[in-house]
N, C-alpha and C. Protein backbone atom coordinates (compact mmCIF):
# COMPACT_ATOMS: atom_id res chain seq x y z
N MET A 1 118.40 187.60 55.73
CA MET A 1 119.17 188.29 56.61
C MET A 1 118.81 189.75 56.63
N ASP A 2 118.32 190.34 57.74
CA ASP A 2 118.20 191.66 57.74
C ASP A 2 119.42 192.47 57.85
N PHE A 3 119.82 193.72 57.15
CA PHE A 3 121.36 194.14 57.06
C PHE A 3 120.92 195.59 57.87
N ARG A 4 119.79 196.01 58.40
CA ARG A 4 119.41 197.29 58.80
C ARG A 4 119.69 197.50 59.73
N ASP A 5 119.95 196.42 61.08
CA ASP A 5 120.75 196.88 62.21
C ASP A 5 121.89 197.03 62.43
N ILE A 6 122.44 198.07 62.62
CA ILE A 6 123.78 198.45 62.50
C ILE A 6 124.01 199.03 63.70
N ASP A 7 125.30 198.02 64.26
CA ASP A 7 126.24 198.59 65.46
C ASP A 7 127.05 199.63 64.89
N TRP A 8 127.06 200.74 64.97
CA TRP A 8 127.92 201.93 64.66
C TRP A 8 129.11 202.18 65.58
N GLN A 9 129.12 201.30 66.63
CA GLN A 9 130.01 201.55 67.33
C GLN A 9 131.23 200.09 66.90
N SER A 10 130.81 199.51 66.29
CA SER A 10 131.76 198.26 65.90
C SER A 10 132.96 199.00 64.91
N ASP A 11 134.03 198.37 65.19
CA ASP A 11 135.21 198.85 64.50
C ASP A 11 135.48 198.21 63.24
N CYS A 12 135.77 198.65 62.14
CA CYS A 12 136.12 198.26 60.66
C CYS A 12 137.05 196.95 60.62
N PRO A 13 136.55 196.11 60.13
CA PRO A 13 137.11 194.60 60.09
C PRO A 13 138.04 194.66 59.17
N ASP A 14 139.39 193.95 59.42
CA ASP A 14 140.59 194.23 58.19
C ASP A 14 140.54 193.25 56.96
N PRO A 15 141.00 193.45 56.22
CA PRO A 15 140.85 192.70 54.93
C PRO A 15 140.85 191.35 54.95
N ILE A 16 141.75 190.84 56.31
CA ILE A 16 141.78 189.24 56.35
C ILE A 16 140.71 188.52 56.97
N ALA A 17 139.91 189.48 57.94
CA ALA A 17 138.89 189.08 58.01
C ALA A 17 137.79 189.01 57.49
N VAL A 18 137.88 190.19 56.52
CA VAL A 18 136.68 189.89 55.50
C VAL A 18 136.75 189.01 54.13
N ALA A 19 138.28 188.65 54.02
CA ALA A 19 138.61 187.78 53.08
C ALA A 19 137.93 186.24 53.94
N SER A 20 138.18 185.93 55.04
CA SER A 20 137.84 184.90 55.61
C SER A 20 136.38 184.92 55.88
N ASP A 21 135.76 185.73 56.13
CA ASP A 21 134.18 185.84 56.27
C ASP A 21 133.32 185.57 55.23
N TRP A 22 134.18 186.35 53.87
CA TRP A 22 133.47 185.71 52.67
C TRP A 22 133.57 184.45 52.22
N ASP A 23 134.45 183.54 52.91
CA ASP A 23 134.61 182.39 52.47
C ASP A 23 133.55 181.60 53.29
N ARG A 24 133.07 182.43 54.32
CA ARG A 24 131.25 182.04 55.05
C ARG A 24 130.43 182.04 54.88
N THR A 25 130.53 183.50 54.13
CA THR A 25 129.15 183.67 53.47
C THR A 25 128.46 183.18 52.44
N VAL A 26 127.03 182.84 52.44
CA VAL A 26 126.44 182.25 51.77
C VAL A 26 125.62 182.81 50.63
N ILE A 27 125.77 182.44 49.10
CA ILE A 27 124.75 183.18 48.41
C ILE A 27 124.26 182.00 47.74
N THR A 28 123.08 182.55 47.43
CA THR A 28 121.55 181.53 47.38
C THR A 28 121.12 182.28 46.05
N PRO A 29 121.16 181.45 44.83
CA PRO A 29 120.46 182.09 43.63
C PRO A 29 118.92 182.22 44.20
N ILE A 30 118.32 183.24 43.60
CA ILE A 30 116.73 183.10 43.64
C ILE A 30 116.11 183.03 42.20
N ARG A 31 115.51 181.75 41.89
CA ARG A 31 114.80 181.57 40.68
C ARG A 31 113.93 182.50 40.40
N GLN A 32 114.05 182.87 39.04
CA GLN A 32 112.80 184.32 38.57
C GLN A 32 111.65 183.77 38.17
N THR A 33 110.91 184.16 38.85
CA THR A 33 109.35 183.64 38.60
C THR A 33 108.33 184.80 38.39
N ASP A 34 108.76 185.73 38.85
CA ASP A 34 108.30 187.22 38.98
C ASP A 34 107.93 187.95 37.32
N GLU A 35 106.66 187.64 37.21
CA GLU A 35 106.29 188.41 35.84
C GLU A 35 106.93 189.93 35.63
N LYS A 36 107.05 190.70 36.35
CA LYS A 36 107.34 191.97 36.50
C LYS A 36 108.83 192.17 36.18
N ILE A 37 109.42 191.35 36.76
CA ILE A 37 111.00 191.25 36.24
C ILE A 37 111.05 190.94 34.72
N ARG A 38 110.54 189.66 34.56
CA ARG A 38 110.84 189.21 32.90
C ARG A 38 109.82 190.17 32.18
N SER A 39 108.77 190.84 32.51
CA SER A 39 108.61 191.96 31.72
C SER A 39 109.41 193.12 31.01
N VAL A 40 110.59 193.43 32.11
CA VAL A 40 111.21 194.57 31.94
C VAL A 40 112.69 193.76 31.23
N VAL A 41 112.89 192.77 31.09
CA VAL A 41 113.87 191.97 30.49
C VAL A 41 113.14 191.64 28.94
N ARG A 42 112.01 191.28 29.02
CA ARG A 42 111.65 191.44 27.66
C ARG A 42 111.69 192.65 26.62
N ALA A 43 111.29 193.60 27.61
CA ALA A 43 111.26 195.26 26.73
C ALA A 43 112.62 195.78 26.29
N LEU A 44 113.51 195.17 27.44
CA LEU A 44 114.61 195.82 26.94
C LEU A 44 115.38 194.73 25.78
N VAL A 45 115.06 193.67 26.02
CA VAL A 45 115.67 193.03 25.11
C VAL A 45 115.16 192.76 23.49
N SER A 46 113.82 193.39 23.73
CA SER A 46 113.11 193.77 22.15
C SER A 46 113.66 194.86 21.72
N THR A 47 114.11 195.88 22.36
CA THR A 47 115.02 196.96 21.79
C THR A 47 116.44 197.38 21.69
N HIS A 48 116.97 196.48 22.41
CA HIS A 48 118.44 195.96 22.44
C HIS A 48 118.85 195.15 21.44
N VAL A 49 118.47 194.92 20.33
CA VAL A 49 118.47 193.97 19.56
C VAL A 49 119.90 193.24 18.99
N ASN A 50 120.92 194.05 19.39
CA ASN A 50 122.28 193.45 18.72
C ASN A 50 122.69 193.00 19.99
N GLY A 51 122.10 193.25 21.34
CA GLY A 51 122.90 192.99 22.54
C GLY A 51 122.09 192.38 23.40
N GLY A 52 121.41 192.79 24.30
CA GLY A 52 120.07 192.24 25.08
C GLY A 52 120.31 192.77 26.72
N ALA A 53 119.67 191.98 27.30
CA ALA A 53 119.67 192.22 28.85
C ALA A 53 119.65 190.90 29.98
N LYS A 54 120.17 191.21 30.75
CA LYS A 54 120.34 190.03 31.59
C LYS A 54 119.83 189.91 33.19
N ILE A 55 119.43 189.18 33.77
CA ILE A 55 118.77 190.08 35.28
C ILE A 55 119.06 188.82 36.06
N ALA A 56 119.66 189.13 37.35
CA ALA A 56 119.61 187.72 38.51
C ALA A 56 119.24 188.60 40.00
N GLN A 57 119.23 187.19 40.34
CA GLN A 57 118.91 188.16 42.03
C GLN A 57 119.40 186.72 42.76
N PHE A 58 119.86 187.12 44.22
CA PHE A 58 120.88 186.25 44.92
C PHE A 58 120.25 186.98 46.58
N GLU A 59 120.60 185.73 47.14
CA GLU A 59 120.04 186.07 48.66
C GLU A 59 121.36 185.98 49.32
N ILE A 60 121.95 187.06 50.16
CA ILE A 60 123.07 186.91 51.10
C ILE A 60 123.12 186.61 52.43
N ASP A 61 123.34 185.61 52.74
CA ASP A 61 123.82 185.19 54.34
C ASP A 61 125.18 185.73 54.64
N ALA A 62 125.55 186.72 55.18
CA ALA A 62 126.75 187.07 55.35
C ALA A 62 127.53 186.84 56.65
N ALA A 63 128.58 186.38 56.56
CA ALA A 63 129.32 186.43 57.93
C ALA A 63 129.85 187.71 58.49
N PRO A 64 130.17 187.96 59.87
CA PRO A 64 130.10 189.13 60.48
C PRO A 64 131.14 190.21 59.59
N ALA A 65 132.02 190.12 59.42
CA ALA A 65 132.76 190.77 58.83
C ALA A 65 132.34 191.50 57.40
N VAL A 66 131.75 190.45 56.56
CA VAL A 66 131.21 190.99 55.73
C VAL A 66 129.71 191.67 55.70
N ARG A 67 128.94 191.33 56.66
CA ARG A 67 127.87 191.91 57.23
C ARG A 67 127.90 193.14 57.51
N TRP A 68 129.24 193.36 58.19
CA TRP A 68 129.41 194.92 58.53
C TRP A 68 129.86 195.72 57.31
N ALA A 69 130.48 195.01 56.40
CA ALA A 69 130.59 195.88 54.95
C ALA A 69 129.55 195.87 54.49
N LEU A 70 128.59 195.10 54.41
CA LEU A 70 127.12 195.55 53.20
C LEU A 70 126.29 195.97 54.19
N SER A 71 126.00 196.09 55.21
CA SER A 71 125.08 196.83 55.94
C SER A 71 125.46 198.24 55.95
N ARG A 72 126.85 198.50 55.65
CA ARG A 72 127.12 200.30 55.54
C ARG A 72 127.40 200.55 54.22
N ASN A 73 126.83 199.67 53.37
CA ASN A 73 127.12 199.98 51.81
C ASN A 73 128.34 200.26 51.15
N ARG A 74 129.36 199.52 51.89
CA ARG A 74 130.73 199.68 51.37
C ARG A 74 130.88 198.48 50.21
N TRP A 75 130.22 198.41 49.56
CA TRP A 75 130.39 197.38 47.91
C TRP A 75 131.92 197.65 47.45
N ASN A 76 132.25 198.89 47.39
CA ASN A 76 133.12 199.08 46.77
C ASN A 76 134.72 199.03 47.60
N GLU A 77 134.54 198.60 48.74
CA GLU A 77 135.57 198.35 49.61
C GLU A 77 135.81 196.69 49.77
N PHE A 78 137.15 196.27 50.23
CA PHE A 78 137.30 194.96 50.33
C PHE A 78 137.26 193.84 49.04
N ASP A 79 137.18 194.60 47.95
CA ASP A 79 136.90 193.86 46.68
C ASP A 79 135.70 192.91 47.07
N LEU A 80 134.65 193.62 47.52
CA LEU A 80 133.57 193.07 47.46
C LEU A 80 132.57 192.77 46.30
N LEU A 81 132.47 193.85 45.63
CA LEU A 81 131.96 193.72 44.14
C LEU A 81 132.72 192.66 43.27
N GLY A 82 134.00 192.36 43.21
CA GLY A 82 134.76 191.67 42.83
C GLY A 82 134.49 190.15 43.21
N ARG A 83 134.67 189.99 44.62
CA ARG A 83 134.26 188.75 45.11
C ARG A 83 132.92 188.46 44.92
N PHE A 84 131.90 188.96 44.99
CA PHE A 84 130.50 189.04 44.73
C PHE A 84 130.33 188.37 43.48
N PHE A 85 131.17 189.12 42.26
CA PHE A 85 130.62 188.70 40.70
C PHE A 85 131.40 187.66 40.47
N ARG A 86 132.75 187.47 41.16
CA ARG A 86 133.57 185.93 41.07
C ARG A 86 133.09 184.68 41.43
N HIS A 87 131.82 184.83 42.16
CA HIS A 87 131.31 183.72 42.96
C HIS A 87 130.86 182.84 42.12
N THR A 88 130.93 181.39 42.27
CA THR A 88 130.91 180.42 41.57
C THR A 88 129.49 180.43 41.04
N LEU A 89 128.34 180.53 41.92
CA LEU A 89 127.09 180.36 41.70
C LEU A 89 126.33 181.74 40.99
N VAL A 90 127.16 182.95 41.52
CA VAL A 90 126.89 184.06 40.26
C VAL A 90 127.08 184.06 39.37
N LYS A 91 128.43 183.56 38.82
CA LYS A 91 128.86 183.05 37.34
C LYS A 91 128.01 182.34 36.83
N GLU A 92 127.66 181.07 37.54
CA GLU A 92 126.76 180.32 36.87
C GLU A 92 125.27 180.48 36.20
N ILE A 93 124.86 181.53 37.29
CA ILE A 93 123.57 182.04 36.74
C ILE A 93 123.63 182.93 36.10
N LEU A 94 124.64 184.00 36.26
CA LEU A 94 124.73 185.35 35.49
C LEU A 94 126.13 185.05 34.48
N PRO A 95 125.66 184.36 33.54
CA PRO A 95 127.03 183.95 32.55
C PRO A 95 127.90 185.23 32.14
N PRO A 96 127.15 186.41 32.04
CA PRO A 96 128.09 187.36 31.35
C PRO A 96 129.12 188.01 32.18
N VAL A 97 129.12 187.83 33.59
CA VAL A 97 130.19 188.36 34.23
C VAL A 97 131.11 187.07 34.68
N GLU A 98 131.53 186.13 33.63
CA GLU A 98 132.66 185.25 33.62
C GLU A 98 133.96 185.79 33.39
N ARG A 99 134.12 187.01 32.59
CA ARG A 99 135.30 187.56 32.40
C ARG A 99 135.17 189.03 32.86
N ILE A 100 135.63 189.51 34.11
CA ILE A 100 135.76 190.64 34.68
C ILE A 100 136.60 191.66 34.18
N LYS A 101 136.22 192.32 34.04
CA LYS A 101 137.89 193.57 33.56
C LYS A 101 137.78 194.41 34.80
N PRO A 102 138.82 195.50 34.42
CA PRO A 102 139.22 196.33 35.55
C PRO A 102 138.12 197.65 35.59
N THR A 103 137.86 197.28 34.62
CA THR A 103 136.40 198.44 34.85
C THR A 103 135.16 198.15 35.93
N ILE A 104 135.74 196.91 36.10
CA ILE A 104 134.61 196.82 37.34
C ILE A 104 134.63 197.91 38.68
N CYS A 105 135.59 198.57 38.77
CA CYS A 105 136.03 199.49 39.36
C CYS A 105 135.07 200.82 39.09
N ALA A 106 134.77 201.02 37.95
CA ALA A 106 133.85 201.90 37.69
C ALA A 106 132.39 201.88 38.31
N PHE A 107 132.12 201.09 39.07
CA PHE A 107 130.72 200.90 39.70
C PHE A 107 130.98 202.23 40.79
N GLN A 108 129.72 202.88 41.01
CA GLN A 108 129.25 203.91 41.73
C GLN A 108 128.07 203.63 42.42
N MET A 109 128.23 204.50 43.76
CA MET A 109 126.62 204.62 44.35
C MET A 109 125.97 205.57 43.87
N GLU A 110 124.63 205.18 43.63
CA GLU A 110 123.54 206.30 43.49
C GLU A 110 122.41 206.31 44.29
N GLY A 111 121.48 207.14 44.38
CA GLY A 111 120.42 207.00 44.98
C GLY A 111 119.57 206.02 44.16
N THR A 112 118.67 205.49 45.15
CA THR A 112 117.74 204.44 44.31
C THR A 112 116.90 204.95 43.59
N LEU A 113 116.17 206.18 44.29
CA LEU A 113 115.04 206.70 43.49
C LEU A 113 115.55 207.32 42.23
N THR A 114 116.74 208.00 41.86
CA THR A 114 117.43 208.11 40.90
C THR A 114 117.73 207.29 40.16
N ALA A 115 118.07 206.22 40.32
CA ALA A 115 118.88 204.84 39.50
C ALA A 115 117.19 204.32 39.06
N PHE A 116 115.73 204.38 39.98
CA PHE A 116 115.05 204.45 39.60
C PHE A 116 114.39 205.17 38.19
N GLY A 117 114.82 206.39 38.32
CA GLY A 117 114.27 207.34 37.01
C GLY A 117 115.16 206.85 36.03
N ARG A 118 116.31 206.28 35.98
CA ARG A 118 117.37 205.87 34.81
C ARG A 118 116.92 204.74 34.44
N LEU A 119 116.53 203.69 35.21
CA LEU A 119 115.71 202.80 34.58
C LEU A 119 114.70 202.86 33.87
N ALA A 120 113.71 203.66 33.88
CA ALA A 120 112.40 204.15 33.32
C ALA A 120 113.17 204.61 32.08
N ASP A 121 113.77 205.56 32.32
CA ASP A 121 114.61 206.36 30.73
C ASP A 121 114.89 205.31 30.02
N TRP A 122 115.96 204.65 30.69
CA TRP A 122 116.84 203.22 29.75
C TRP A 122 115.28 202.28 28.94
N ILE A 123 114.73 202.05 29.75
CA ILE A 123 113.49 201.53 28.77
C ILE A 123 112.84 202.25 28.18
N ARG A 124 112.63 203.54 28.25
CA ARG A 124 111.92 204.35 27.23
C ARG A 124 112.64 204.78 26.29
N GLU A 125 114.15 204.89 26.41
CA GLU A 125 114.93 205.39 25.18
C GLU A 125 115.32 204.23 24.09
N GLY A 126 115.16 203.05 24.90
CA GLY A 126 115.59 201.63 24.10
C GLY A 126 117.03 201.66 23.32
N GLY A 127 117.34 200.68 22.51
CA GLY A 127 119.06 200.69 22.29
C GLY A 127 119.41 201.36 20.82
N ALA A 128 120.16 200.64 20.02
CA ALA A 128 120.79 201.35 19.16
C ALA A 128 119.95 201.71 17.83
N TYR A 129 118.91 200.66 17.47
CA TYR A 129 118.22 200.78 16.47
C TYR A 129 116.70 200.41 16.59
N ARG A 130 116.39 200.21 17.92
CA ARG A 130 114.56 200.25 18.13
C ARG A 130 114.53 200.90 19.35
N LYS A 131 113.54 201.61 19.50
CA LYS A 131 112.92 202.43 20.34
C LYS A 131 112.01 202.03 21.49
N PHE A 132 111.30 201.86 22.24
CA PHE A 132 110.28 201.54 23.10
C PHE A 132 109.37 201.61 22.64
N ASN A 133 108.30 200.66 22.15
CA ASN A 133 106.88 200.79 21.54
C ASN A 133 106.05 200.66 22.78
N GLY A 134 106.15 201.88 23.36
CA GLY A 134 104.89 202.20 24.38
C GLY A 134 105.10 203.54 24.80
N SER A 135 104.46 203.90 25.52
CA SER A 135 104.31 205.41 26.18
C SER A 135 105.01 205.38 27.52
N ASP A 136 105.67 206.56 27.76
CA ASP A 136 106.21 207.05 29.19
C ASP A 136 105.68 206.41 30.19
N GLU A 137 104.31 206.70 30.27
CA GLU A 137 103.75 205.93 31.29
C GLU A 137 104.00 204.43 31.26
N ALA A 138 103.81 203.73 30.15
CA ALA A 138 104.11 202.70 30.20
C ALA A 138 105.57 202.09 30.80
N ALA A 139 106.89 202.73 30.22
CA ALA A 139 107.98 202.39 30.47
C ALA A 139 107.77 202.75 32.15
N LEU A 140 107.32 203.72 32.48
CA LEU A 140 107.62 204.34 34.02
C LEU A 140 106.87 203.05 34.96
N LYS A 141 105.73 202.38 34.41
CA LYS A 141 104.95 201.24 34.91
C LYS A 141 105.50 199.92 35.04
N LEU A 142 106.43 199.60 33.97
CA LEU A 142 107.74 198.57 33.72
C LEU A 142 108.64 198.77 34.97
N ALA A 143 109.07 199.81 34.88
CA ALA A 143 110.22 200.35 36.17
C ALA A 143 109.67 200.33 37.60
N THR A 144 108.42 200.70 37.53
CA THR A 144 107.80 200.51 38.78
C THR A 144 107.85 199.08 39.32
N GLY A 145 107.36 198.01 38.32
CA GLY A 145 107.04 196.74 38.92
C GLY A 145 108.25 196.21 39.27
N LEU A 146 109.44 196.34 38.38
CA LEU A 146 110.76 195.84 38.66
C LEU A 146 110.77 196.03 40.03
N MET A 147 110.97 197.45 40.51
CA MET A 147 111.28 197.89 41.67
C MET A 147 110.33 197.39 42.72
N GLU A 148 109.16 196.49 42.47
CA GLU A 148 108.28 196.08 43.35
C GLU A 148 108.68 195.01 43.67
N SER A 149 109.30 194.13 42.67
CA SER A 149 110.11 192.79 42.90
C SER A 149 111.52 192.80 43.35
N VAL A 150 112.25 193.91 43.26
CA VAL A 150 113.11 194.22 43.77
C VAL A 150 113.60 194.40 45.11
N CYS A 151 112.48 195.30 45.71
CA CYS A 151 112.79 195.88 47.07
C CYS A 151 111.25 196.39 47.55
N GLU A 152 110.14 195.84 47.43
CA GLU A 152 109.05 196.09 47.52
C GLU A 152 108.57 197.49 47.71
N LYS A 153 109.59 198.18 46.40
CA LYS A 153 109.74 199.87 46.45
C LYS A 153 109.79 200.87 47.70
N ARG A 154 110.85 199.89 48.54
CA ARG A 154 111.24 200.07 49.47
C ARG A 154 112.59 201.08 49.39
N PHE A 155 112.32 202.38 48.41
CA PHE A 155 113.71 202.91 48.34
C PHE A 155 114.54 203.53 48.94
N SER A 156 114.45 203.68 50.23
CA SER A 156 114.99 204.04 51.24
C SER A 156 115.80 203.03 52.24
N GLU A 157 115.13 201.54 52.35
CA GLU A 157 116.08 200.50 52.94
C GLU A 157 116.84 199.69 51.47
N THR A 158 116.94 200.09 50.43
CA THR A 158 117.72 199.89 49.31
C THR A 158 118.65 200.56 48.69
N ASN A 159 120.14 200.02 48.80
CA ASN A 159 121.30 200.30 48.42
C ASN A 159 121.53 200.06 46.98
N THR A 160 122.07 201.27 46.11
CA THR A 160 121.85 201.08 44.71
C THR A 160 123.31 201.46 44.10
N TRP A 161 124.36 200.47 43.04
CA TRP A 161 125.15 200.64 42.61
C TRP A 161 125.10 200.55 41.41
N VAL A 162 125.59 201.41 40.06
CA VAL A 162 125.65 201.39 38.85
C VAL A 162 126.93 201.22 38.33
N ASN A 163 127.13 200.92 36.99
CA ASN A 163 128.37 201.29 36.11
C ASN A 163 127.82 201.29 34.47
N TRP A 164 128.24 202.47 34.05
CA TRP A 164 128.12 202.25 32.80
C TRP A 164 129.65 202.22 31.67
N MET A 165 130.23 201.49 32.36
CA MET A 165 131.24 200.85 31.58
C MET A 165 131.26 199.43 31.18
N PRO A 166 131.80 199.19 30.33
CA PRO A 166 131.84 197.52 29.88
C PRO A 166 132.78 196.66 30.57
N TRP A 167 132.30 196.28 31.83
CA TRP A 167 133.03 195.57 33.08
C TRP A 167 133.43 194.37 32.92
N THR A 168 132.67 193.85 31.84
CA THR A 168 132.53 192.34 31.32
C THR A 168 132.73 192.17 29.74
N ASP A 169 133.32 190.89 29.55
CA ASP A 169 133.46 190.67 27.84
C ASP A 169 131.80 190.58 27.37
N TRP A 170 130.99 190.49 28.07
CA TRP A 170 129.92 190.58 27.62
C TRP A 170 129.40 191.86 26.88
N PHE A 171 129.89 192.99 27.54
CA PHE A 171 129.47 194.19 26.90
C PHE A 171 129.98 194.51 25.57
N LEU A 172 129.46 195.53 24.85
CA LEU A 172 129.42 195.70 23.39
C LEU A 172 130.33 196.73 23.52
N ASP A 173 130.62 197.38 24.49
CA ASP A 173 131.50 198.62 24.60
C ASP A 173 131.40 199.37 23.26
N VAL A 174 130.21 200.32 23.37
CA VAL A 174 129.90 201.40 22.47
C VAL A 174 129.07 202.64 23.14
N ALA A 175 127.86 202.49 23.31
CA ALA A 175 127.48 203.51 24.01
C ALA A 175 126.17 203.08 24.78
N TRP A 176 125.67 201.72 24.62
CA TRP A 176 124.72 201.35 25.29
C TRP A 176 124.80 200.41 26.63
N ASP A 177 125.69 200.39 27.28
CA ASP A 177 126.34 199.53 28.40
C ASP A 177 125.73 200.19 29.70
N GLY A 178 125.16 199.34 30.42
CA GLY A 178 124.63 199.98 32.11
C GLY A 178 124.66 198.46 32.58
N THR A 179 124.94 198.95 33.87
CA THR A 179 124.50 197.68 34.99
C THR A 179 123.73 198.55 35.99
N PHE A 180 123.15 197.62 36.89
CA PHE A 180 122.12 198.19 38.10
C PHE A 180 122.53 196.92 38.75
N LEU A 181 123.04 197.52 40.29
CA LEU A 181 123.02 196.35 41.22
C LEU A 181 122.31 197.04 42.35
N TRP A 182 121.11 196.47 42.73
CA TRP A 182 120.31 196.75 44.07
C TRP A 182 120.62 195.90 45.05
N PHE A 183 120.70 196.61 46.35
CA PHE A 183 120.68 195.53 47.49
C PHE A 183 119.69 195.92 48.50
N ASP A 184 118.81 195.18 48.59
CA ASP A 184 117.70 195.23 49.74
C ASP A 184 118.12 195.03 51.15
N THR A 185 118.43 195.83 51.80
CA THR A 185 118.94 195.49 53.34
C THR A 185 118.05 194.90 54.22
N ARG A 186 116.49 194.73 53.90
CA ARG A 186 115.94 194.40 54.93
C ARG A 186 115.51 192.52 54.50
N ARG A 187 115.92 192.38 53.26
CA ARG A 187 115.82 190.91 52.87
C ARG A 187 117.20 190.49 52.30
N GLY A 188 117.99 191.32 52.45
CA GLY A 188 119.72 190.78 51.98
C GLY A 188 119.37 190.30 50.68
N ILE A 189 118.80 190.68 49.71
CA ILE A 189 118.83 190.19 48.29
C ILE A 189 119.69 191.56 47.38
N ALA A 190 120.47 190.85 46.75
CA ALA A 190 121.04 191.80 45.52
C ALA A 190 120.22 191.35 44.06
N THR A 191 120.22 192.39 43.56
CA THR A 191 119.66 192.02 42.30
C THR A 191 120.43 193.01 41.25
N VAL A 192 120.94 192.22 40.18
CA VAL A 192 121.62 192.88 38.93
C VAL A 192 121.26 192.70 37.50
N LEU A 193 120.84 193.96 37.01
CA LEU A 193 120.72 194.04 35.82
C LEU A 193 121.84 194.63 34.75
N MET A 194 122.07 193.64 33.70
CA MET A 194 122.96 194.02 33.00
C MET A 194 122.16 194.46 31.34
N VAL A 195 122.50 195.34 30.88
CA VAL A 195 122.01 195.79 29.58
C VAL A 195 123.32 196.31 28.66
N THR A 196 123.19 195.70 27.12
CA THR A 196 124.07 196.49 26.26
C THR A 196 123.43 196.37 24.98
N ASP A 197 123.88 197.15 24.02
CA ASP A 197 124.00 197.00 22.53
C ASP A 197 124.80 197.75 21.65
N THR A 198 124.75 197.56 20.53
CA THR A 198 125.55 198.16 19.55
C THR A 198 125.17 198.43 18.10
N ASP A 199 125.51 199.52 17.54
CA ASP A 199 125.14 200.14 16.16
C ASP A 199 125.73 199.29 14.94
């Protein structure tokens, strides 16, 4: 579903319409087959030895009121982040989101190019006890490969949200908690990357 065509004259839906349309919104998990995605997860797991990294992708076919909000990058309104992460299929494919904490409210918008730089830095810096066993260029290459899979490197068509707080019980709540949520507006695909570690 393409979320780029926005009718800027349409009125903001009320919360009841969004709740109703959320029930009619279809979320379909995407099976992880891309080696570029797996390479980044392997790199993060190898450095975040007491924690780990999880990634999942979902195609979103949104009913009108939900489409209105997502096309305008308003994930933080109408409890859309909570609705998304509480969805049965999302919890099934991404078990770390099973128990959500109030710190889910700490998600914030970030420029996709800025988040790309952060991702490369997270790969390069590693976790509590182990650093990335590669060059800066290698870390950048891994991050670039991931973004090819996430949004075909169409940064301007991709909305990004980040959270550095332990917003589920999966996070170890020390200093290495991070979540990236990318939403490719051309394809309607949400990608979630979660990372944690402890010393």
